[in-house]
Amino acid sequence: RAKDGDEATRHLIDAVATVLLWALLATCV
């Protein structure tokens, strides 16, 4: 956010959230 601004940060949030969700589904099973 400090270097690249809010838009690039929102893209990072979406990508991290996607990988996290799939990892959590596997972990819970």
Full PDB file with SEQRES, HELIX, SHEET, SSBOND, CRYST1, ORIGX, SCALE, CONECT and MASTER records, all heavy atoms in Angstrom:
SEQRES   1 A   29  ARG ALA LYS ASP GLY ASP GLU ALA THR ARG HIS LEU ILE          
SEQRES   2 A   29  ASP ALA VAL ALA THR VAL LEU LEU TRP ALA LEU LEU ALA          
SEQRES   3 A   29  THR CYS VAL                                                  
HELIX    1 AA1 ASP A    6  CYS A   28  1                                  23    
CRYST1    1.000    1.000    1.000  90.00  90.00  90.00 P 1           1          
ORIGX1      1.000000  0.000000  0.000000        0.00000                         
ORIGX2      0.000000  1.000000  0.000000        0.00000                         
ORIGX3      0.000000  0.000000  1.000000        0.00000                         
SCALE1      1.000000  0.000000  0.000000        0.00000                         
SCALE2      0.000000  1.000000  0.000000        0.00000                         
SCALE3      0.000000  0.000000  1.000000        0.00000                         
ATOM      1  N   ARG A   1       0.831  -1.205   0.000  1.00  0.00           N  
ATOM      2  CA  ARG A   1       0.000   0.000   0.000  1.00  0.00           C  
ATOM      3  C   ARG A   1       0.868   1.259   0.000  1.00  0.00           C  
ATOM      4  O   ARG A   1       0.554   2.250  -0.675  1.00  0.00           O  
ATOM      5  CB  ARG A   1      -0.935  -0.009   1.205  1.00  0.00           C  
ATOM      6  CG  ARG A   1      -2.008   1.068   1.104  1.00  0.00           C  
ATOM      7  CD  ARG A   1      -2.885   1.121   2.328  1.00  0.00           C  
ATOM      8  NE  ARG A   1      -3.923   2.119   2.137  1.00  0.00           N  
ATOM      9  CZ  ARG A   1      -4.547   2.760   3.124  1.00  0.00           C  
ATOM     10  NH1 ARG A   1      -4.231   2.481   4.373  1.00  0.00           N  
ATOM     11  NH2 ARG A   1      -5.468   3.657   2.864  1.00  0.00           N  
ATOM     12  N   ALA A   2       1.963   1.234   0.774  1.00  0.00           N  
ATOM     13  CA  ALA A   2       2.841   2.402   0.840  1.00  0.00           C  
ATOM     14  C   ALA A   2       3.552   2.647  -0.488  1.00  0.00           C  
ATOM     15  O   ALA A   2       3.753   3.798  -0.899  1.00  0.00           O  
ATOM     16  CB  ALA A   2       3.867   2.226   1.966  1.00  0.00           C  
ATOM     17  N   LYS A   3       3.918   1.576  -1.198  1.00  0.00           N  
ATOM     18  CA  LYS A   3       4.706   1.715  -2.431  1.00  0.00           C  
ATOM     19  C   LYS A   3       3.829   1.811  -3.683  1.00  0.00           C  
ATOM     20  O   LYS A   3       4.077   2.629  -4.575  1.00  0.00           O  
ATOM     21  CB  LYS A   3       5.645   0.518  -2.588  1.00  0.00           C  
ATOM     22  CG  LYS A   3       6.823   0.509  -1.623  1.00  0.00           C  
ATOM     23  CD  LYS A   3       7.706  -0.708  -1.901  1.00  0.00           C  
ATOM     24  CE  LYS A   3       8.931  -0.735  -1.011  1.00  0.00           C  
ATOM     25  NZ  LYS A   3       9.783  -1.921  -1.265  1.00  0.00           N  
ATOM     26  N   ASP A   4       2.798   0.941  -3.779  1.00  0.00           N  
ATOM     27  CA  ASP A   4       2.075   0.758  -5.045  1.00  0.00           C  
ATOM     28  C   ASP A   4       0.665   1.327  -5.059  1.00  0.00           C  
ATOM     29  O   ASP A   4       0.021   1.345  -6.117  1.00  0.00           O  
ATOM     30  CB  ASP A   4       2.003  -0.740  -5.386  1.00  0.00           C  
ATOM     31  CG  ASP A   4       3.377  -1.387  -5.415  1.00  0.00           C  
ATOM     32  OD1 ASP A   4       4.320  -0.717  -5.864  1.00  0.00           O  
ATOM     33  OD2 ASP A   4       3.504  -2.550  -4.979  1.00  0.00           O  
ATOM     34  N   GLY A   5       0.121   1.720  -3.902  1.00  0.00           N  
ATOM     35  CA  GLY A   5      -1.221   2.296  -3.886  1.00  0.00           C  
ATOM     36  C   GLY A   5      -2.303   1.275  -3.624  1.00  0.00           C  
ATOM     37  O   GLY A   5      -2.064   0.068  -3.548  1.00  0.00           O  
ATOM     38  N   ASP A   6      -3.527   1.766  -3.510  1.00  0.00           N  
ATOM     39  CA  ASP A   6      -4.653   0.932  -3.070  1.00  0.00           C  
ATOM     40  C   ASP A   6      -5.088  -0.101  -4.112  1.00  0.00           C  
ATOM     41  O   ASP A   6      -5.483  -1.216  -3.762  1.00  0.00           O  
ATOM     42  CB  ASP A   6      -5.845   1.815  -2.703  1.00  0.00           C  
ATOM     43  CG  ASP A   6      -5.630   2.562  -1.388  1.00  0.00           C  
ATOM     44  OD1 ASP A   6      -4.615   2.276  -0.716  1.00  0.00           O  
ATOM     45  OD2 ASP A   6      -6.461   3.421  -1.048  1.00  0.00           O  
ATOM     46  N   GLU A   7      -5.031   0.246  -5.381  1.00  0.00           N  
ATOM     47  CA  GLU A   7      -5.539  -0.679  -6.406  1.00  0.00           C  
ATOM     48  C   GLU A   7      -4.696  -1.946  -6.470  1.00  0.00           C  
ATOM     49  O   GLU A   7      -5.225  -3.068  -6.515  1.00  0.00           O  
ATOM     50  CB  GLU A   7      -5.565   0.011  -7.773  1.00  0.00           C  
ATOM     51  CG  GLU A   7      -6.301  -0.793  -8.845  1.00  0.00           C  
ATOM     52  CD  GLU A   7      -7.746  -1.093  -8.471  1.00  0.00           C  
ATOM     53  OE1 GLU A   7      -8.410  -0.220  -7.870  1.00  0.00           O  
ATOM     54  OE2 GLU A   7      -8.212  -2.223  -8.767  1.00  0.00           O  
ATOM     55  N   ALA A   8      -3.378  -1.797  -6.482  1.00  0.00           N  
ATOM     56  CA  ALA A   8      -2.498  -2.966  -6.491  1.00  0.00           C  
ATOM     57  C   ALA A   8      -2.662  -3.775  -5.209  1.00  0.00           C  
ATOM     58  O   ALA A   8      -2.585  -5.011  -5.221  1.00  0.00           O  
ATOM     59  CB  ALA A   8      -1.047  -2.517  -6.639  1.00  0.00           C  
ATOM     60  N   THR A   9      -2.928  -3.093  -4.114  1.00  0.00           N  
ATOM     61  CA  THR A   9      -3.120  -3.784  -2.835  1.00  0.00           C  
ATOM     62  C   THR A   9      -4.401  -4.611  -2.861  1.00  0.00           C  
ATOM     63  O   THR A   9      -4.441  -5.726  -2.324  1.00  0.00           O  
ATOM     64  CB  THR A   9      -3.174  -2.766  -1.676  1.00  0.00           C  
ATOM     65  OG1 THR A   9      -2.030  -1.918  -1.741  1.00  0.00           O  
ATOM     66  CG2 THR A   9      -3.185  -3.472  -0.339  1.00  0.00           C  
ATOM     67  N   ARG A  10      -5.453  -4.089  -3.476  1.00  0.00           N  
ATOM     68  CA  ARG A  10      -6.708  -4.857  -3.593  1.00  0.00           C  
ATOM     69  C   ARG A  10      -6.495  -6.116  -4.433  1.00  0.00           C  
ATOM     70  O   ARG A  10      -7.071  -7.169  -4.130  1.00  0.00           O  
ATOM     71  CB  ARG A  10      -7.799  -3.981  -4.214  1.00  0.00           C  
ATOM     72  CG  ARG A  10      -8.325  -2.901  -3.274  1.00  0.00           C  
ATOM     73  CD  ARG A  10      -9.542  -2.186  -3.880  1.00  0.00           C  
ATOM     74  NE  ARG A  10     -10.065  -1.202  -2.958  1.00  0.00           N  
ATOM     75  CZ  ARG A  10      -9.719   0.083  -2.936  1.00  0.00           C  
ATOM     76  NH1 ARG A  10      -8.805   0.527  -3.798  1.00  0.00           N  
ATOM     77  NH2 ARG A  10     -10.257   0.906  -2.071  1.00  0.00           N  
ATOM     78  N   HIS A  11      -5.705  -6.025  -5.468  1.00  0.00           N  
ATOM     79  CA  HIS A  11      -5.404  -7.217  -6.279  1.00  0.00           C  
ATOM     80  C   HIS A  11      -4.660  -8.253  -5.446  1.00  0.00           C  
ATOM     81  O   HIS A  11      -4.952  -9.456  -5.532  1.00  0.00           O  
ATOM     82  CB  HIS A  11      -4.561  -6.817  -7.496  1.00  0.00           C  
ATOM     83  CG  HIS A  11      -4.123  -7.984  -8.328  1.00  0.00           C  
ATOM     84  ND1 HIS A  11      -4.978  -8.664  -9.177  1.00  0.00           N  
ATOM     85  CD2 HIS A  11      -2.911  -8.612  -8.427  1.00  0.00           C  
ATOM     86  CE1 HIS A  11      -4.324  -9.651  -9.753  1.00  0.00           C  
ATOM     87  NE2 HIS A  11      -3.066  -9.643  -9.322  1.00  0.00           N  
ATOM     88  N   LEU A  12      -3.726  -7.815  -4.607  1.00  0.00           N  
ATOM     89  CA  LEU A  12      -3.005  -8.730  -3.727  1.00  0.00           C  
ATOM     90  C   LEU A  12      -3.961  -9.400  -2.751  1.00  0.00           C  
ATOM     91  O   LEU A  12      -3.862 -10.606  -2.502  1.00  0.00           O  
ATOM     92  CB  LEU A  12      -1.914  -7.965  -2.963  1.00  0.00           C  
ATOM     93  CG  LEU A  12      -1.154  -8.758  -1.889  1.00  0.00           C  
ATOM     94  CD1 LEU A  12      -0.386  -9.916  -2.519  1.00  0.00           C  
ATOM     95  CD2 LEU A  12      -0.202  -7.841  -1.118  1.00  0.00           C  
ATOM     96  N   ILE A  13      -4.904  -8.645  -2.202  1.00  0.00           N  
ATOM     97  CA  ILE A  13      -5.884  -9.203  -1.262  1.00  0.00           C  
ATOM     98  C   ILE A  13      -6.677 -10.322  -1.924  1.00  0.00           C  
ATOM     99  O   ILE A  13      -6.865 -11.404  -1.350  1.00  0.00           O  
ATOM    100  CB  ILE A  13      -6.826  -8.098  -0.750  1.00  0.00           C  
ATOM    101  CG1 ILE A  13      -6.071  -7.149   0.185  1.00  0.00           C  
ATOM    102  CG2 ILE A  13      -8.025  -8.703  -0.021  1.00  0.00           C  
ATOM    103  CD1 ILE A  13      -6.856  -5.899   0.548  1.00  0.00           C  
ATOM    104  N   ASP A  14      -7.164 -10.099  -3.153  1.00  0.00           N  
ATOM    105  CA  ASP A  14      -7.967 -11.107  -3.847  1.00  0.00           C  
ATOM    106  C   ASP A  14      -7.160 -12.380  -4.104  1.00  0.00           C  
ATOM    107  O   ASP A  14      -7.663 -13.496  -3.921  1.00  0.00           O  
ATOM    108  CB  ASP A  14      -8.481 -10.545  -5.177  1.00  0.00           C  
ATOM    109  CG  ASP A  14      -9.478  -9.407  -4.984  1.00  0.00           C  
ATOM    110  OD1 ASP A  14     -10.041  -9.302  -3.881  1.00  0.00           O  
ATOM    111  OD2 ASP A  14      -9.680  -8.634  -5.941  1.00  0.00           O  
ATOM    112  N   ALA A  15      -5.937 -12.218  -4.523  1.00  0.00           N  
ATOM    113  CA  ALA A  15      -5.109 -13.386  -4.840  1.00  0.00           C  
ATOM    114  C   ALA A  15      -4.780 -14.186  -3.579  1.00  0.00           C  
ATOM    115  O   ALA A  15      -4.882 -15.420  -3.565  1.00  0.00           O  
ATOM    116  CB  ALA A  15      -3.821 -12.939  -5.535  1.00  0.00           C  
ATOM    117  N   VAL A  16      -4.387 -13.483  -2.511  1.00  0.00           N  
ATOM    118  CA  VAL A  16      -4.067 -14.171  -1.263  1.00  0.00           C  
ATOM    119  C   VAL A  16      -5.300 -14.869  -0.701  1.00  0.00           C  
ATOM    120  O   VAL A  16      -5.232 -16.005  -0.224  1.00  0.00           O  
ATOM    121  CB  VAL A  16      -3.495 -13.169  -0.229  1.00  0.00           C  
ATOM    122  CG1 VAL A  16      -3.399 -13.809   1.150  1.00  0.00           C  
ATOM    123  CG2 VAL A  16      -2.127 -12.681  -0.675  1.00  0.00           C  
ATOM    124  N   ALA A  17      -6.450 -14.197  -0.761  1.00  0.00           N  
ATOM    125  CA  ALA A  17      -7.693 -14.783  -0.230  1.00  0.00           C  
ATOM    126  C   ALA A  17      -8.055 -16.066  -0.962  1.00  0.00           C  
ATOM    127  O   ALA A  17      -8.519 -17.036  -0.344  1.00  0.00           O  
ATOM    128  CB  ALA A  17      -8.830 -13.767  -0.337  1.00  0.00           C  
ATOM    129  N   THR A  18      -7.860 -16.099  -2.269  1.00  0.00           N  
ATOM    130  CA  THR A  18      -8.195 -17.293  -3.053  1.00  0.00           C  
ATOM    131  C   THR A  18      -7.330 -18.480  -2.647  1.00  0.00           C  
ATOM    132  O   THR A  18      -7.836 -19.578  -2.390  1.00  0.00           O  
ATOM    133  CB  THR A  18      -8.015 -16.998  -4.550  1.00  0.00           C  
ATOM    134  OG1 THR A  18      -8.957 -16.004  -4.951  1.00  0.00           O  
ATOM    135  CG2 THR A  18      -8.224 -18.260  -5.376  1.00  0.00           C  
ATOM    136  N   VAL A  19      -6.018 -18.255  -2.593  1.00  0.00           N  
ATOM    137  CA  VAL A  19      -5.115 -19.346  -2.202  1.00  0.00           C  
ATOM    138  C   VAL A  19      -5.408 -19.804  -0.772  1.00  0.00           C  
ATOM    139  O   VAL A  19      -5.421 -21.009  -0.473  1.00  0.00           O  
ATOM    140  CB  VAL A  19      -3.647 -18.881  -2.331  1.00  0.00           C  
ATOM    141  CG1 VAL A  19      -2.696 -19.949  -1.788  1.00  0.00           C  
ATOM    142  CG2 VAL A  19      -3.322 -18.577  -3.791  1.00  0.00           C  
ATOM    143  N   LEU A  20      -5.687 -18.874   0.115  1.00  0.00           N  
ATOM    144  CA  LEU A  20      -5.976 -19.216   1.517  1.00  0.00           C  
ATOM    145  C   LEU A  20      -7.232 -20.065   1.628  1.00  0.00           C  
ATOM    146  O   LEU A  20      -7.262 -21.060   2.371  1.00  0.00           O  
ATOM    147  CB  LEU A  20      -6.132 -17.932   2.332  1.00  0.00           C  
ATOM    148  CG  LEU A  20      -6.447 -18.112   3.825  1.00  0.00           C  
ATOM    149  CD1 LEU A  20      -5.304 -18.805   4.541  1.00  0.00           C  
ATOM    150  CD2 LEU A  20      -6.738 -16.753   4.471  1.00  0.00           C  
ATOM    151  N   LEU A  21      -8.280 -19.700   0.897  1.00  0.00           N  
ATOM    152  CA  LEU A  21      -9.541 -20.441   0.975  1.00  0.00           C  
ATOM    153  C   LEU A  21      -9.353 -21.903   0.564  1.00  0.00           C  
ATOM    154  O   LEU A  21      -9.823 -22.816   1.256  1.00  0.00           O  
ATOM    155  CB  LEU A  21     -10.588 -19.779   0.086  1.00  0.00           C  
ATOM    156  CG  LEU A  21     -11.960 -20.473   0.050  1.00  0.00           C  
ATOM    157  CD1 LEU A  21     -12.635 -20.414   1.417  1.00  0.00           C  
ATOM    158  CD2 LEU A  21     -12.857 -19.853  -1.017  1.00  0.00           C  
ATOM    159  N   TRP A  22      -8.669 -22.136  -0.548  1.00  0.00           N  
ATOM    160  CA  TRP A  22      -8.460 -23.513  -1.007  1.00  0.00           C  
ATOM    161  C   TRP A  22      -7.587 -24.300  -0.024  1.00  0.00           C  
ATOM    162  O   TRP A  22      -7.844 -25.484   0.237  1.00  0.00           O  
ATOM    163  CB  TRP A  22      -7.826 -23.511  -2.393  1.00  0.00           C  
ATOM    164  CG  TRP A  22      -8.811 -23.198  -3.485  1.00  0.00           C  
ATOM    165  CD1 TRP A  22      -9.174 -21.957  -3.931  1.00  0.00           C  
ATOM    166  CD2 TRP A  22      -9.576 -24.132  -4.242  1.00  0.00           C  
ATOM    167  NE1 TRP A  22     -10.110 -22.054  -4.919  1.00  0.00           N  
ATOM    168  CE2 TRP A  22     -10.379 -23.382  -5.139  1.00  0.00           C  
ATOM    169  CE3 TRP A  22      -9.657 -25.513  -4.267  1.00  0.00           C  
ATOM    170  CZ2 TRP A  22     -11.252 -23.985  -6.038  1.00  0.00           C  
ATOM    171  CZ3 TRP A  22     -10.523 -26.123  -5.181  1.00  0.00           C  
ATOM    172  CH2 TRP A  22     -11.313 -25.369  -6.037  1.00  0.00           C  
ATOM    173  N   ALA A  23      -6.577 -23.654   0.520  1.00  0.00           N  
ATOM    174  CA  ALA A  23      -5.721 -24.333   1.498  1.00  0.00           C  
ATOM    175  C   ALA A  23      -6.512 -24.710   2.748  1.00  0.00           C  
ATOM    176  O   ALA A  23      -6.318 -25.789   3.327  1.00  0.00           O  
ATOM    177  CB  ALA A  23      -4.545 -23.438   1.874  1.00  0.00           C  
ATOM    178  N   LEU A  24      -7.431 -23.853   3.163  1.00  0.00           N  
ATOM    179  CA  LEU A  24      -8.229 -24.124   4.367  1.00  0.00           C  
ATOM    180  C   LEU A  24      -9.191 -25.284   4.153  1.00  0.00           C  
ATOM    181  O   LEU A  24      -9.405 -26.104   5.055  1.00  0.00           O  
ATOM    182  CB  LEU A  24      -9.006 -22.867   4.763  1.00  0.00           C  
ATOM    183  CG  LEU A  24      -8.162 -21.703   5.267  1.00  0.00           C  
ATOM    184  CD1 LEU A  24      -9.025 -20.463   5.474  1.00  0.00           C  
ATOM    185  CD2 LEU A  24      -7.462 -22.080   6.565  1.00  0.00           C  
ATOM    186  N   LEU A  25      -9.786 -25.357   2.978  1.00  0.00           N  
ATOM    187  CA  LEU A  25     -10.699 -26.473   2.687  1.00  0.00           C  
ATOM    188  C   LEU A  25      -9.963 -27.807   2.803  1.00  0.00           C  
ATOM    189  O   LEU A  25     -10.464 -28.759   3.417  1.00  0.00           O  
ATOM    190  CB  LEU A  25     -11.298 -26.308   1.290  1.00  0.00           C  
ATOM    191  CG  LEU A  25     -12.326 -25.185   1.124  1.00  0.00           C  
ATOM    192  CD1 LEU A  25     -12.692 -25.010  -0.349  1.00  0.00           C  
ATOM    193  CD2 LEU A  25     -13.579 -25.469   1.953  1.00  0.00           C  
ATOM    194  N   ALA A  26      -8.774 -27.870   2.239  1.00  0.00           N  
ATOM    195  CA  ALA A  26      -7.990 -29.110   2.311  1.00  0.00           C  
ATOM    196  C   ALA A  26      -7.589 -29.422   3.749  1.00  0.00           C  
ATOM    197  O   ALA A  26      -7.665 -30.580   4.201  1.00  0.00           O  
ATOM    198  CB  ALA A  26      -6.752 -28.995   1.427  1.00  0.00           C  
ATOM    199  N   THR A  27      -7.173 -28.396   4.489  1.00  0.00           N  
ATOM    200  CA  THR A  27      -6.740 -28.593   5.879  1.00  0.00           C  
ATOM    201  C   THR A  27      -7.871 -29.121   6.745  1.00  0.00           C  
ATOM    202  O   THR A  27      -7.671 -30.029   7.570  1.00  0.00           O  
ATOM    203  CB  THR A  27      -6.216 -27.263   6.463  1.00  0.00           C  
ATOM    204  OG1 THR A  27      -5.117 -26.804   5.669  1.00  0.00           O  
ATOM    205  CG2 THR A  27      -5.764 -27.445   7.904  1.00  0.00           C  
ATOM    206  N   CYS A  28      -9.061 -28.555   6.595  1.00  0.00           N  
ATOM    207  CA  CYS A  28     -10.200 -28.977   7.421  1.00  0.00           C  
ATOM    208  C   CYS A  28     -10.598 -30.427   7.137  1.00  0.00           C  
ATOM    209  O   CYS A  28     -10.913 -31.182   8.057  1.00  0.00           O  
ATOM    210  CB  CYS A  28     -11.387 -28.038   7.200  1.00  0.00           C  
ATOM    211  SG  CYS A  28     -11.129 -26.389   7.891  1.00  0.00           S  
ATOM    212  N   VAL A  29     -10.583 -30.816   5.863  1.00  0.00           N  
ATOM    213  CA  VAL A  29     -10.934 -32.205   5.520  1.00  0.00           C  
ATOM    214  C   VAL A  29      -9.917 -33.169   6.132  1.00  0.00           C  
ATOM    215  O   VAL A  29     -10.288 -34.183   6.756  1.00  0.00           O  
ATOM    216  CB  VAL A  29     -10.998 -32.374   3.984  1.00  0.00           C  
ATOM    217  CG1 VAL A  29     -11.118 -33.851   3.620  1.00  0.00           C  
ATOM    218  CG2 VAL A  29     -12.175 -31.595   3.417  1.00  0.00           C  
TER     219      VAL A  29                                                      
MASTER        0    0    0    1    0    0    0    6  218    1    0    3          
END                                                                             
